[in-house]
């Protein structure tokens, strides 16, 4: 499923497989699009996903509303005794997590070339 937003270029796609979900976001994560991400995270959790990976591909902007949506995803999975992980190669995300201290709470992994498995990465 892809959800475009008329005021931003965010594109979301999701795959839910039992207790695991992978949501891919591309574009801007901002005041206009954060509600779309929150809705997709909620949809995945309501479908039974306890482990949610959010792959941030080519994300060029994350404002405070976008950051709030990331915290929402973390809290949503934590309330369900699950796990929330960010995945991607973008330094923007690593810097943002480090500056806000969220790097100690929300893991960030780089996507590997071996079938989508993730390996730990630092900022």
PDB file of N, CA and C in Angstrom:
ATOM      1  N   UNK A   1       0.839  -1.165   0.000  1.00  0.00           N
ATOM      2  CA  UNK A   1       0.000   0.000   0.000  1.00  0.00           C
ATOM      3  C   UNK A   1       0.891   1.237   0.000  1.00  0.00           C
ATOM      4  N   UNK A   2       0.611   2.221  -0.843  1.00  0.00           N
ATOM      5  CA  UNK A   2       1.344   3.476  -0.881  1.00  0.00           C
ATOM      6  C   UNK A   2       0.375   4.606  -0.615  1.00  0.00           C
ATOM      7  N   UNK A   3       0.760   5.496   0.295  1.00  0.00           N
ATOM      8  CA  UNK A   3      -0.096   6.602   0.680  1.00  0.00           C
ATOM      9  C   UNK A   3       0.585   7.927   0.373  1.00  0.00           C
ATOM     10  N   UNK A   4       0.299   8.577  -0.747  1.00  0.00           N
ATOM     11  CA  UNK A   4       0.882   9.885  -1.007  1.00  0.00           C
ATOM     12  C   UNK A   4       0.106  10.967  -0.254  1.00  0.00           C
ATOM     13  N   UNK A   5       0.728  12.066  -0.002  1.00  0.00           N
ATOM     14  CA  UNK A   5       0.062  13.192   0.637  1.00  0.00           C
ATOM     15  C   UNK A   5       0.211  14.401  -0.271  1.00  0.00           C
ATOM     16  N   UNK A   6      -0.876  15.149  -0.496  1.00  0.00           N
ATOM     17  CA  UNK A   6      -0.817  16.247  -1.451  1.00  0.00           C
ATOM     18  C   UNK A   6       0.121  17.377  -1.042  1.00  0.00           C
ATOM     19  N   UNK A   7       0.411  17.549   0.254  1.00  0.00           N
ATOM     20  CA  UNK A   7       1.250  18.657   0.675  1.00  0.00           C
ATOM     21  C   UNK A   7       2.678  18.231   0.990  1.00  0.00           C
ATOM     22  N   UNK A   8       3.011  17.002   0.735  1.00  0.00           N
ATOM     23  CA  UNK A   8       4.357  16.523   0.978  1.00  0.00           C
ATOM     24  C   UNK A   8       4.606  15.317   0.085  1.00  0.00           C
ATOM     25  N   UNK A   9       5.837  14.912   0.047  1.00  0.00           N
ATOM     26  CA  UNK A   9       6.171  13.792  -0.834  1.00  0.00           C
ATOM     27  C   UNK A   9       6.352  12.474  -0.082  1.00  0.00           C
ATOM     28  N   UNK A  10       5.781  12.329   1.109  1.00  0.00           N
ATOM     29  CA  UNK A  10       5.923  11.082   1.854  1.00  0.00           C
ATOM     30  C   UNK A  10       5.201   9.945   1.149  1.00  0.00           C
ATOM     31  N   UNK A  11       5.924   8.836   1.022  1.00  0.00           N
ATOM     32  CA  UNK A  11       5.341   7.608   0.495  1.00  0.00           C
ATOM     33  C   UNK A  11       5.557   6.526   1.542  1.00  0.00           C
ATOM     34  N   UNK A  12       4.490   5.809   1.863  1.00  0.00           N
ATOM     35  CA  UNK A  12       4.544   4.729   2.841  1.00  0.00           C
ATOM     36  C   UNK A  12       4.143   3.427   2.173  1.00  0.00           C
ATOM     37  N   UNK A  13       4.854   2.366   2.519  1.00  0.00           N
ATOM     38  CA  UNK A  13       4.423   1.032   2.109  1.00  0.00           C
ATOM     39  C   UNK A  13       4.635   0.126   3.312  1.00  0.00           C
ATOM     40  N   UNK A  14       3.751  -0.852   3.466  1.00  0.00           N
ATOM     41  CA  UNK A  14       3.801  -1.713   4.643  1.00  0.00           C
ATOM     42  C   UNK A  14       3.616  -3.168   4.264  1.00  0.00           C
ATOM     43  N   UNK A  15       4.344  -4.013   4.988  1.00  0.00           N
ATOM     44  CA  UNK A  15       4.194  -5.456   4.902  1.00  0.00           C
ATOM     45  C   UNK A  15       4.034  -5.970   6.323  1.00  0.00           C
ATOM     46  N   UNK A  16       2.935  -6.662   6.562  1.00  0.00           N
ATOM     47  CA  UNK A  16       2.670  -7.219   7.886  1.00  0.00           C
ATOM     48  C   UNK A  16       2.646  -8.732   7.756  1.00  0.00           C
ATOM     49  N   UNK A  17       3.459  -9.387   8.594  1.00  0.00           N
ATOM     50  CA  UNK A  17       3.560 -10.836   8.562  1.00  0.00           C
ATOM     51  C   UNK A  17       3.509 -11.351  10.001  1.00  0.00           C
ATOM     52  N   UNK A  18       2.313 -11.670  10.441  1.00  0.00           N
ATOM     53  CA  UNK A  18       2.139 -12.151  11.816  1.00  0.00           C
ATOM     54  C   UNK A  18       2.467 -11.072  12.824  1.00  0.00           C
ATOM     55  N   UNK A  19       3.451 -11.353  13.678  1.00  0.00           N
ATOM     56  CA  UNK A  19       3.834 -10.410  14.714  1.00  0.00           C
ATOM     57  C   UNK A  19       4.875  -9.401  14.249  1.00  0.00           C
ATOM     58  N   UNK A  20       5.260  -9.452  12.989  1.00  0.00           N
ATOM     59  CA  UNK A  20       6.270  -8.539  12.451  1.00  0.00           C
ATOM     60  C   UNK A  20       5.677  -7.669  11.353  1.00  0.00           C
ATOM     61  N   UNK A  21       6.119  -6.427  11.339  1.00  0.00           N
ATOM     62  CA  UNK A  21       5.698  -5.503  10.282  1.00  0.00           C
ATOM     63  C   UNK A  21       6.906  -4.697   9.846  1.00  0.00           C
ATOM     64  N   UNK A  22       6.939  -4.380   8.577  1.00  0.00           N
ATOM     65  CA  UNK A  22       7.971  -3.508   8.016  1.00  0.00           C
ATOM     66  C   UNK A  22       7.253  -2.400   7.262  1.00  0.00           C
ATOM     67  N   UNK A  23       7.505  -1.181   7.695  1.00  0.00           N
ATOM     68  CA  UNK A  23       6.928  -0.009   7.041  1.00  0.00           C
ATOM     69  C   UNK A  23       8.081   0.769   6.429  1.00  0.00           C
ATOM     70  N   UNK A  24       7.954   1.105   5.167  1.00  0.00           N
ATOM     71  CA  UNK A  24       8.972   1.889   4.483  1.00  0.00           C
ATOM     72  C   UNK A  24       8.435   3.285   4.245  1.00  0.00           C
ATOM     73  N   UNK A  25       9.230   4.277   4.627  1.00  0.00           N
ATOM     74  CA  UNK A  25       8.857   5.677   4.433  1.00  0.00           C
ATOM     75  C   UNK A  25       9.907   6.343   3.557  1.00  0.00           C
ATOM     76  N   UNK A  26       9.440   7.084   2.560  1.00  0.00           N
ATOM     77  CA  UNK A  26      10.319   7.849   1.689  1.00  0.00           C
ATOM     78  C   UNK A  26       9.756   9.253   1.547  1.00  0.00           C
ATOM     79  N   UNK A  27      10.620  10.258   1.660  1.00  0.00           N
ATOM     80  CA  UNK A  27      10.181  11.636   1.501  1.00  0.00           C
ATOM     81  C   UNK A  27      10.315  12.414   2.785  1.00  0.00           C
ATOM     82  N   UNK A  28       9.411  13.348   3.000  1.00  0.00           N
ATOM     83  CA  UNK A  28       9.439  14.199   4.196  1.00  0.00           C
ATOM     84  C   UNK A  28       8.523  13.656   5.274  1.00  0.00           C
ATOM     85  N   UNK A  29       9.021  13.673   6.484  1.00  0.00           N
ATOM     86  CA  UNK A  29       8.224  13.286   7.645  1.00  0.00           C
ATOM     87  C   UNK A  29       8.030  14.562   8.457  1.00  0.00           C
ATOM     88  N   UNK A  30       6.867  15.179   8.269  1.00  0.00           N
ATOM     89  CA  UNK A  30       6.649  16.514   8.818  1.00  0.00           C
ATOM     90  C   UNK A  30       5.241  16.652   9.382  1.00  0.00           C
ATOM     91  N   UNK A  31       4.874  17.868   9.693  1.00  0.00           N
ATOM     92  CA  UNK A  31       3.580  18.144  10.311  1.00  0.00           C
ATOM     93  C   UNK A  31       2.418  17.633   9.453  1.00  0.00           C
ATOM     94  N   UNK A  32       2.580  17.626   8.151  1.00  0.00           N
ATOM     95  CA  UNK A  32       1.514  17.165   7.257  1.00  0.00           C
ATOM     96  C   UNK A  32       1.432  15.648   7.173  1.00  0.00           C
ATOM     97  N   UNK A  33       2.582  14.982   7.280  1.00  0.00           N
ATOM     98  CA  UNK A  33       2.618  13.543   7.022  1.00  0.00           C
ATOM     99  C   UNK A  33       2.755  12.681   8.274  1.00  0.00           C
ATOM    100  N   UNK A  34       3.141  13.271   9.392  1.00  0.00           N
ATOM    101  CA  UNK A  34       3.269  12.489  10.630  1.00  0.00           C
ATOM    102  C   UNK A  34       1.979  11.749  10.987  1.00  0.00           C
ATOM    103  N   UNK A  35       0.794  12.371  10.800  1.00  0.00           N
ATOM    104  CA  UNK A  35      -0.439  11.618  11.087  1.00  0.00           C
ATOM    105  C   UNK A  35      -0.606  10.376  10.203  1.00  0.00           C
ATOM    106  N   UNK A  36      -0.111  10.437   8.970  1.00  0.00           N
ATOM    107  CA  UNK A  36      -0.172   9.263   8.091  1.00  0.00           C
ATOM    108  C   UNK A  36       0.701   8.137   8.635  1.00  0.00           C
ATOM    109  N   UNK A  37       1.887   8.481   9.105  1.00  0.00           N
ATOM    110  CA  UNK A  37       2.771   7.467   9.677  1.00  0.00           C
ATOM    111  C   UNK A  37       2.171   6.896  10.959  1.00  0.00           C
ATOM    112  N   UNK A  38       1.642   7.750  11.804  1.00  0.00           N
ATOM    113  CA  UNK A  38       0.995   7.264  13.034  1.00  0.00           C
ATOM    114  C   UNK A  38      -0.135   6.290  12.709  1.00  0.00           C
ATOM    115  N   UNK A  39      -0.928   6.622  11.707  1.00  0.00           N
ATOM    116  CA  UNK A  39      -2.040   5.749  11.309  1.00  0.00           C
ATOM    117  C   UNK A  39      -1.522   4.406  10.805  1.00  0.00           C
ATOM    118  N   UNK A  40      -0.437   4.424  10.041  1.00  0.00           N
ATOM    119  CA  UNK A  40       0.125   3.172   9.514  1.00  0.00           C
ATOM    120  C   UNK A  40       0.724   2.331  10.636  1.00  0.00           C
ATOM    121  N   UNK A  41       1.385   2.972  11.596  1.00  0.00           N
ATOM    122  CA  UNK A  41       1.922   2.252  12.751  1.00  0.00           C
ATOM    123  C   UNK A  41       0.799   1.616  13.562  1.00  0.00           C
ATOM    124  N   UNK A  42      -0.278   2.368  13.764  1.00  0.00           N
ATOM    125  CA  UNK A  42      -1.435   1.854  14.509  1.00  0.00           C
ATOM    126  C   UNK A  42      -2.075   0.693  13.764  1.00  0.00           C
ATOM    127  N   UNK A  43      -2.205   0.823  12.452  1.00  0.00           N
ATOM    128  CA  UNK A  43      -2.785  -0.248  11.646  1.00  0.00           C
ATOM    129  C   UNK A  43      -1.972  -1.533  11.785  1.00  0.00           C
ATOM    130  N   UNK A  44      -0.654  -1.406  11.741  1.00  0.00           N
ATOM    131  CA  UNK A  44       0.212  -2.582  11.866  1.00  0.00           C
ATOM    132  C   UNK A  44       0.056  -3.224  13.248  1.00  0.00           C
ATOM    133  N   UNK A  45       0.039  -2.397  14.288  1.00  0.00           N
ATOM    134  CA  UNK A  45      -0.118  -2.927  15.649  1.00  0.00           C
ATOM    135  C   UNK A  45      -1.487  -3.572  15.832  1.00  0.00           C
ATOM    136  N   UNK A  46      -2.515  -2.944  15.296  1.00  0.00           N
ATOM    137  CA  UNK A  46      -3.866  -3.503  15.397  1.00  0.00           C
ATOM    138  C   UNK A  46      -4.001  -4.818  14.634  1.00  0.00           C
ATOM    139  N   UNK A  47      -3.158  -5.012  13.629  1.00  0.00           N
ATOM    140  CA  UNK A  47      -3.170  -6.261  12.865  1.00  0.00           C
ATOM    141  C   UNK A  47      -2.376  -7.360  13.573  1.00  0.00           C
ATOM    142  N   UNK A  48      -1.795  -7.039  14.734  1.00  0.00           N
ATOM    143  CA  UNK A  48      -1.097  -8.057  15.510  1.00  0.00           C
ATOM    144  C   UNK A  48       0.414  -7.934  15.531  1.00  0.00           C
ATOM    145  N   UNK A  49       0.966  -6.945  14.827  1.00  0.00           N
ATOM    146  CA  UNK A  49       2.422  -6.789  14.798  1.00  0.00           C
ATOM    147  C   UNK A  49       2.918  -6.250  16.138  1.00  0.00           C
ATOM    148  N   UNK A  50       3.843  -6.971  16.736  1.00  0.00           N
ATOM    149  CA  UNK A  50       4.478  -6.524  17.980  1.00  0.00           C
ATOM    150  C   UNK A  50       5.877  -6.004  17.701  1.00  0.00           C
ATOM    151  N   UNK A  51       6.472  -6.459  16.606  1.00  0.00           N
ATOM    152  CA  UNK A  51       7.796  -6.000  16.200  1.00  0.00           C
ATOM    153  C   UNK A  51       7.626  -5.200  14.911  1.00  0.00           C
ATOM    154  N   UNK A  52       7.910  -3.909  14.990  1.00  0.00           N
ATOM    155  CA  UNK A  52       7.743  -3.035  13.829  1.00  0.00           C
ATOM    156  C   UNK A  52       9.098  -2.439  13.469  1.00  0.00           C
ATOM    157  N   UNK A  53       9.466  -2.606  12.212  1.00  0.00           N
ATOM    158  CA  UNK A  53      10.660  -1.980  11.670  1.00  0.00           C
ATOM    159  C   UNK A  53      10.207  -0.870  10.742  1.00  0.00           C
ATOM    160  N   UNK A  54      10.720   0.327  10.961  1.00  0.00           N
ATOM    161  CA  UNK A  54      10.423   1.463  10.098  1.00  0.00           C
ATOM    162  C   UNK A  54      11.676   1.760   9.290  1.00  0.00           C
ATOM    163  N   UNK A  55      11.608   1.477   8.000  1.00  0.00           N
ATOM    164  CA  UNK A  55      12.728   1.731   7.090  1.00  0.00           C
ATOM    165  C   UNK A  55      12.581   3.138   6.528  1.00  0.00           C
ATOM    166  N   UNK A  56      13.549   3.970   6.825  1.00  0.00           N
ATOM    167  CA  UNK A  56      13.526   5.361   6.383  1.00  0.00           C
ATOM    168  C   UNK A  56      14.472   5.491   5.186  1.00  0.00           C
ATOM    169  N   UNK A  57      13.899   5.489   4.005  1.00  0.00           N
ATOM    170  CA  UNK A  57      14.683   5.584   2.778  1.00  0.00           C
ATOM    171  C   UNK A  57      14.560   6.980   2.207  1.00  0.00           C
ATOM    172  N   UNK A  58      15.677   7.581   1.941  1.00  0.00           N
ATOM    173  CA  UNK A  58      15.685   8.901   1.304  1.00  0.00           C
ATOM    174  C   UNK A  58      14.773   9.890   2.025  1.00  0.00           C
ATOM    175  N   UNK A  59      14.775   9.845   3.325  1.00  0.00           N
ATOM    176  CA  UNK A  59      14.015  10.823   4.102  1.00  0.00           C
ATOM    177  C   UNK A  59      14.854  12.088   4.151  1.00  0.00           C
ATOM    178  N   UNK A  60      14.303  13.173   3.627  1.00  0.00           N
ATOM    179  CA  UNK A  60      15.080  14.406   3.542  1.00  0.00           C
ATOM    180  C   UNK A  60      14.749  15.396   4.641  1.00  0.00           C
ATOM    181  N   UNK A  61      13.677  15.163   5.377  1.00  0.00           N
ATOM    182  CA  UNK A  61      13.280  16.083   6.432  1.00  0.00           C
ATOM    183  C   UNK A  61      12.515  15.325   7.503  1.00  0.00           C
ATOM    184  N   UNK A  62      12.889  15.567   8.750  1.00  0.00           N
ATOM    185  CA  UNK A  62      12.107  15.082   9.895  1.00  0.00           C
ATOM    186  C   UNK A  62      11.971  16.276  10.827  1.00  0.00           C
ATOM    187  N   UNK A  63      10.769  16.820  10.936  1.00  0.00           N
ATOM    188  CA  UNK A  63      10.556  17.940  11.849  1.00  0.00           C
ATOM    189  C   UNK A  63      10.086  17.406  13.200  1.00  0.00           C
ATOM    190  N   UNK A  64       9.689  18.300  14.103  1.00  0.00           N
ATOM    191  CA  UNK A  64       9.296  17.855  15.439  1.00  0.00           C
ATOM    192  C   UNK A  64       8.078  16.943  15.408  1.00  0.00           C
ATOM    193  N   UNK A  65       7.177  17.153  14.470  1.00  0.00           N
ATOM    194  CA  UNK A  65       6.013  16.261  14.343  1.00  0.00           C
ATOM    195  C   UNK A  65       6.443  14.884  13.865  1.00  0.00           C
ATOM    196  N   UNK A  66       7.408  14.858  12.968  1.00  0.00           N
ATOM    197  CA  UNK A  66       7.951  13.582  12.501  1.00  0.00           C
ATOM    198  C   UNK A  66       8.662  12.838  13.613  1.00  0.00           C
ATOM    199  N   UNK A  67       9.438  13.576  14.397  1.00  0.00           N
ATOM    200  CA  UNK A  67      10.117  12.974  15.542  1.00  0.00           C
ATOM    201  C   UNK A  67       9.098  12.420  16.530  1.00  0.00           C
ATOM    202  N   UNK A  68       8.028  13.160  16.738  1.00  0.00           N
ATOM    203  CA  UNK A  68       6.952  12.704  17.615  1.00  0.00           C
ATOM    204  C   UNK A  68       6.342  11.401  17.106  1.00  0.00           C
ATOM    205  N   UNK A  69       6.213  11.265  15.794  1.00  0.00           N
ATOM    206  CA  UNK A  69       5.668  10.029  15.225  1.00  0.00           C
ATOM    207  C   UNK A  69       6.603   8.849  15.474  1.00  0.00           C
ATOM    208  N   UNK A  70       7.918   9.094  15.458  1.00  0.00           N
ATOM    209  CA  UNK A  70       8.867   8.023  15.761  1.00  0.00           C
ATOM    210  C   UNK A  70       8.739   7.590  17.225  1.00  0.00           C
ATOM    211  N   UNK A  71       8.606   8.553  18.117  1.00  0.00           N
ATOM    212  CA  UNK A  71       8.409   8.237  19.536  1.00  0.00           C
ATOM    213  C   UNK A  71       7.086   7.498  19.729  1.00  0.00           C
ATOM    214  N   UNK A  72       6.057   7.908  18.988  1.00  0.00           N
ATOM    215  CA  UNK A  72       4.767   7.224  19.035  1.00  0.00           C
ATOM    216  C   UNK A  72       4.938   5.744  18.680  1.00  0.00           C
ATOM    217  N   UNK A  73       5.686   5.460  17.619  1.00  0.00           N
ATOM    218  CA  UNK A  73       5.924   4.071  17.213  1.00  0.00           C
ATOM    219  C   UNK A  73       6.633   3.279  18.296  1.00  0.00           C
ATOM    220  N   UNK A  74       7.615   3.905  18.931  1.00  0.00           N
ATOM    221  CA  UNK A  74       8.328   3.242  20.020  1.00  0.00           C
ATOM    222  C   UNK A  74       7.380   2.934  21.181  1.00  0.00           C
ATOM    223  N   UNK A  75       6.600   3.914  21.596  1.00  0.00           N
ATOM    224  CA  UNK A  75       5.680   3.722  22.726  1.00  0.00           C
ATOM    225  C   UNK A  75       4.584   2.715  22.397  1.00  0.00           C
ATOM    226  N   UNK A  76       4.106   2.741  21.169  1.00  0.00           N
ATOM    227  CA  UNK A  76       3.060   1.817  20.733  1.00  0.00           C
ATOM    228  C   UNK A  76       3.525   0.372  20.876  1.00  0.00           C
ATOM    229  N   UNK A  77       4.731   0.083  20.422  1.00  0.00           N
ATOM    230  CA  UNK A  77       5.238  -1.288  20.520  1.00  0.00           C
ATOM    231  C   UNK A  77       5.629  -1.640  21.954  1.00  0.00           C
ATOM    232  N   UNK A  78       6.147  -0.675  22.703  1.00  0.00           N
ATOM    233  CA  UNK A  78       6.538  -0.943  24.093  1.00  0.00           C
ATOM    234  C   UNK A  78       5.325  -1.320  24.940  1.00  0.00           C
ATOM    235  N   UNK A  79       4.181  -0.656  24.699  1.00  0.00           N
ATOM    236  CA  UNK A  79       2.958  -0.980  25.444  1.00  0.00           C
ATOM    237  C   UNK A  79       2.490  -2.396  25.153  1.00  0.00           C
ATOM    238  N   UNK A  80       2.874  -2.935  24.026  1.00  0.00           N
ATOM    239  CA  UNK A  80       2.461  -4.286  23.638  1.00  0.00           C
ATOM    240  C   UNK A  80       3.593  -5.300  23.827  1.00  0.00           C
ATOM    241  N   UNK A  81       4.584  -4.916  24.637  1.00  0.00           N
ATOM    242  CA  UNK A  81       5.751  -5.770  24.910  1.00  0.00           C
ATOM    243  C   UNK A  81       6.444  -6.180  23.623  1.00  0.00           C
ATOM    244  N   UNK A  82       6.542  -5.248  22.702  1.00  0.00           N
ATOM    245  CA  UNK A  82       7.176  -5.515  21.419  1.00  0.00           C
ATOM    246  C   UNK A  82       8.452  -4.718  21.244  1.00  0.00           C
ATOM    247  N   UNK A  83       8.840  -4.516  19.999  1.00  0.00           N
ATOM    248  CA  UNK A  83      10.074  -3.800  19.684  1.00  0.00           C
ATOM    249  C   UNK A  83       9.853  -2.906  18.473  1.00  0.00           C
ATOM    250  N   UNK A  84      10.455  -1.732  18.511  1.00  0.00           N
ATOM    251  CA  UNK A  84      10.398  -0.767  17.414  1.00  0.00           C
ATOM    252  C   UNK A  84      11.826  -0.471  16.990  1.00  0.00           C
ATOM    253  N   UNK A  85      12.111  -0.649  15.711  1.00  0.00           N
ATOM    254  CA  UNK A  85      13.451  -0.457  15.184  1.00  0.00           C
ATOM    255  C   UNK A  85      13.391   0.430  13.953  1.00  0.00           C
ATOM    256  N   UNK A  86      14.361   1.318  13.842  1.00  0.00           N
ATOM    257  CA  UNK A  86      14.513   2.117  12.633  1.00  0.00           C
ATOM    258  C   UNK A  86      15.598   1.495  11.789  1.00  0.00           C
ATOM    259  N   UNK A  87      15.455   1.622  10.495  1.00  0.00           N
ATOM    260  CA  UNK A  87      16.378   1.000   9.567  1.00  0.00           C
ATOM    261  C   UNK A  87      16.615   1.955   8.413  1.00  0.00           C
ATOM    262  N   UNK A  88      17.850   2.100   7.986  1.00  0.00           N
ATOM    263  CA  UNK A  88      18.153   2.949   6.848  1.00  0.00           C
ATOM    264  C   UNK A  88      19.602   3.382   6.850  1.00  0.00           C
ATOM    265  N   UNK A  89      20.014   4.022   5.792  1.00  0.00           N
ATOM    266  CA  UNK A  89      21.391   4.469   5.639  1.00  0.00           C
ATOM    267  C   UNK A  89      21.532   5.974   5.804  1.00  0.00           C
ATOM    268  N   UNK A  90      20.482   6.642   6.201  1.00  0.00           N
ATOM    269  CA  UNK A  90      20.477   8.093   6.211  1.00  0.00           C
ATOM    270  C   UNK A  90      21.130   8.663   7.461  1.00  0.00           C
ATOM    271  N   UNK A  91      22.150   9.474   7.292  1.00  0.00           N
ATOM    272  CA  UNK A  91      22.842  10.116   8.408  1.00  0.00           C
ATOM    273  C   UNK A  91      21.936  11.112   9.127  1.00  0.00           C
ATOM    274  N   UNK A  92      20.969  11.684   8.410  1.00  0.00           N
ATOM    275  CA  UNK A  92      20.017  12.613   9.020  1.00  0.00           C
ATOM    276  C   UNK A  92      19.340  11.957  10.221  1.00  0.00           C
ATOM    277  N   UNK A  93      18.895  10.742  10.039  1.00  0.00           N
ATOM    278  CA  UNK A  93      18.188  10.022  11.097  1.00  0.00           C
ATOM    279  C   UNK A  93      19.138   9.736  12.258  1.00  0.00           C
ATOM    280  N   UNK A  94      20.348   9.301  11.965  1.00  0.00           N
ATOM    281  CA  UNK A  94      21.317   9.000  13.014  1.00  0.00           C
ATOM    282  C   UNK A  94      21.643  10.252  13.828  1.00  0.00           C
ATOM    283  N   UNK A  95      21.858  11.366  13.153  1.00  0.00           N
ATOM    284  CA  UNK A  95      22.159  12.617  13.860  1.00  0.00           C
ATOM    285  C   UNK A  95      20.983  13.068  14.723  1.00  0.00           C
ATOM    286  N   UNK A  96      19.779  12.962  14.184  1.00  0.00           N
ATOM    287  CA  UNK A  96      18.588  13.379  14.919  1.00  0.00           C
ATOM    288  C   UNK A  96      18.409  12.540  16.184  1.00  0.00           C
ATOM    289  N   UNK A  97      18.568  11.233  16.054  1.00  0.00           N
ATOM    290  CA  UNK A  97      18.436  10.363  17.217  1.00  0.00           C
ATOM    291  C   UNK A  97      19.506  10.675  18.258  1.00  0.00           C
ATOM    292  N   UNK A  98      20.740  10.918  17.807  1.00  0.00           N
ATOM    293  CA  UNK A  98      21.822  11.215  18.733  1.00  0.00           C
ATOM    294  C   UNK A  98      21.592  12.547  19.446  1.00  0.00           C
ATOM    295  N   UNK A  99      21.181  13.555  18.721  1.00  0.00           N
ATOM    296  CA  UNK A  99      20.970  14.885  19.314  1.00  0.00           C
ATOM    297  C   UNK A  99      19.832  14.907  20.329  1.00  0.00           C
ATOM    298  N   UNK A 100      18.848  14.048  20.133  1.00  0.00           N
ATOM    299  CA  UNK A 100      17.702  14.026  21.037  1.00  0.00           C
ATOM    300  C   UNK A 100      17.844  12.975  22.136  1.00  0.00           C
ATOM    301  N   UNK A 101      18.890  12.154  22.061  1.00  0.00           N
ATOM    302  CA  UNK A 101      19.082  11.097  23.047  1.00  0.00           C
ATOM    303  C   UNK A 101      18.268   9.849  22.754  1.00  0.00           C
ATOM    304  N   UNK A 102      17.501   9.874  21.682  1.00  0.00           N
ATOM    305  CA  UNK A 102      16.670   8.712  21.350  1.00  0.00           C
ATOM    306  C   UNK A 102      17.493   7.538  20.834  1.00  0.00           C
ATOM    307  N   UNK A 103      18.750   7.787  20.477  1.00  0.00           N
ATOM    308  CA  UNK A 103      19.601   6.686  20.024  1.00  0.00           C
ATOM    309  C   UNK A 103      19.834   5.672  21.141  1.00  0.00           C
ATOM    310  N   UNK A 104      19.605   6.071  22.399  1.00  0.00           N
ATOM    311  CA  UNK A 104      19.739   5.148  23.527  1.00  0.00           C
ATOM    312  C   UNK A 104      18.482   4.310  23.728  1.00  0.00           C
ATOM    313  N   UNK A 105      17.402   4.667  23.019  1.00  0.00           N
ATOM    314  CA  UNK A 105      16.111   4.006  23.215  1.00  0.00           C
ATOM    315  C   UNK A 105      15.652   3.281  21.952  1.00  0.00           C
ATOM    316  N   UNK A 106      15.768   3.947  20.814  1.00  0.00           N
ATOM    317  CA  UNK A 106      15.294   3.393  19.548  1.00  0.00           C
ATOM    318  C   UNK A 106      16.504   2.952  18.725  1.00  0.00           C
ATOM    319  N   UNK A 107      16.644   1.659  18.474  1.00  0.00           N
ATOM    320  CA  UNK A 107      17.778   1.185  17.681  1.00  0.00           C
ATOM    321  C   UNK A 107      17.668   1.623  16.218  1.00  0.00           C
ATOM    322  N   UNK A 108      18.817   1.949  15.630  1.00  0.00           N
ATOM    323  CA  UNK A 108      18.910   2.282  14.211  1.00  0.00           C
ATOM    324  C   UNK A 108      19.887   1.312  13.571  1.00  0.00           C
ATOM    325  N   UNK A 109      19.460   0.669  12.498  1.00  0.00           N
ATOM    326  CA  UNK A 109      20.289  -0.291  11.783  1.00  0.00           C
ATOM    327  C   UNK A 109      20.419   0.151  10.333  1.00  0.00           C
ATOM    328  N   UNK A 110      21.576  -0.152   9.742  1.00  0.00           N
ATOM    329  CA  UNK A 110      21.746   0.042   8.308  1.00  0.00           C
ATOM    330  C   UNK A 110      21.221  -1.194   7.604  1.00  0.00           C
ATOM    331  N   UNK A 111      20.590  -0.986   6.479  1.00  0.00           N
ATOM    332  CA  UNK A 111      20.114  -2.134   5.705  1.00  0.00           C
ATOM    333  C   UNK A 111      21.308  -2.772   5.022  1.00  0.00           C
ATOM    334  N   UNK A 112      21.381  -4.081   5.114  1.00  0.00           N
ATOM    335  CA  UNK A 112      22.474  -4.815   4.472  1.00  0.00           C
ATOM    336  C   UNK A 112      22.002  -5.321   3.114  1.00  0.00           C
ATOM    337  N   UNK A 113      22.936  -5.760   2.327  1.00  0.00           N
ATOM    338  CA  UNK A 113      22.629  -6.268   1.001  1.00  0.00           C
ATOM    339  C   UNK A 113      22.234  -7.741   1.030  1.00  0.00           C
ATOM    340  N   UNK A 114      22.181  -8.338   2.216  1.00  0.00           N
ATOM    341  CA  UNK A 114      21.929  -9.786   2.288  1.00  0.00           C
ATOM    342  C   UNK A 114      20.486 -10.110   2.632  1.00  0.00           C
ATOM    343  N   UNK A 115      19.595  -9.780   1.734  1.00  0.00           N
ATOM    344  CA  UNK A 115      18.213 -10.177   1.894  1.00  0.00           C
ATOM    345  C   UNK A 115      17.437  -9.368   2.904  1.00  0.00           C
ATOM    346  N   UNK A 116      17.875  -8.145   3.192  1.00  0.00           N
ATOM    347  CA  UNK A 116      17.108  -7.293   4.087  1.00  0.00           C
ATOM    348  C   UNK A 116      17.462  -7.436   5.539  1.00  0.00           C
ATOM    349  N   UNK A 117      18.448  -8.292   5.875  1.00  0.00           N
ATOM    350  CA  UNK A 117      18.856  -8.396   7.251  1.00  0.00           C
ATOM    351  C   UNK A 117      19.547  -7.101   7.640  1.00  0.00           C
ATOM    352  N   UNK A 118      19.447  -6.725   8.887  1.00  0.00           N
ATOM    353  CA  UNK A 118      20.027  -5.447   9.337  1.00  0.00           C
ATOM    354  C   UNK A 118      21.250  -5.713  10.199  1.00  0.00           C
ATOM    355  N   UNK A 119      22.201  -4.794  10.110  1.00  0.00           N
ATOM    356  CA  UNK A 119      23.362  -4.847  10.982  1.00  0.00           C
ATOM    357  C   UNK A 119      23.443  -3.540  11.745  1.00  0.00           C
ATOM    358  N   UNK A 120      23.918  -3.613  12.959  1.00  0.00           N
ATOM    359  CA  UNK A 120      23.936  -2.423  13.818  1.00  0.00           C
ATOM    360  C   UNK A 120      24.797  -1.338  13.214  1.00  0.00           C
ATOM    361  N   UNK A 121      24.353  -0.086  13.406  1.00  0.00           N
ATOM    362  CA  UNK A 121      25.082   1.056  12.902  1.00  0.00           C
ATOM    363  C   UNK A 121      25.016   2.182  13.906  1.00  0.00           C
ATOM    364  N   UNK A 122      26.026   2.966  13.941  1.00  0.00           N
ATOM    365  CA  UNK A 122      26.050   4.121  14.821  1.00  0.00           C
ATOM    366  C   UNK A 122      25.980   5.395  14.020  1.00  0.00           C
ATOM    367  N   UNK A 123      25.823   6.540  14.685  1.00  0.00           N
ATOM    368  CA  UNK A 123      25.725   7.823  13.994  1.00  0.00           C
ATOM    369  C   UNK A 123      26.970   8.262  13.353  1.00  0.00           C
TER     370      UNK A 123
END
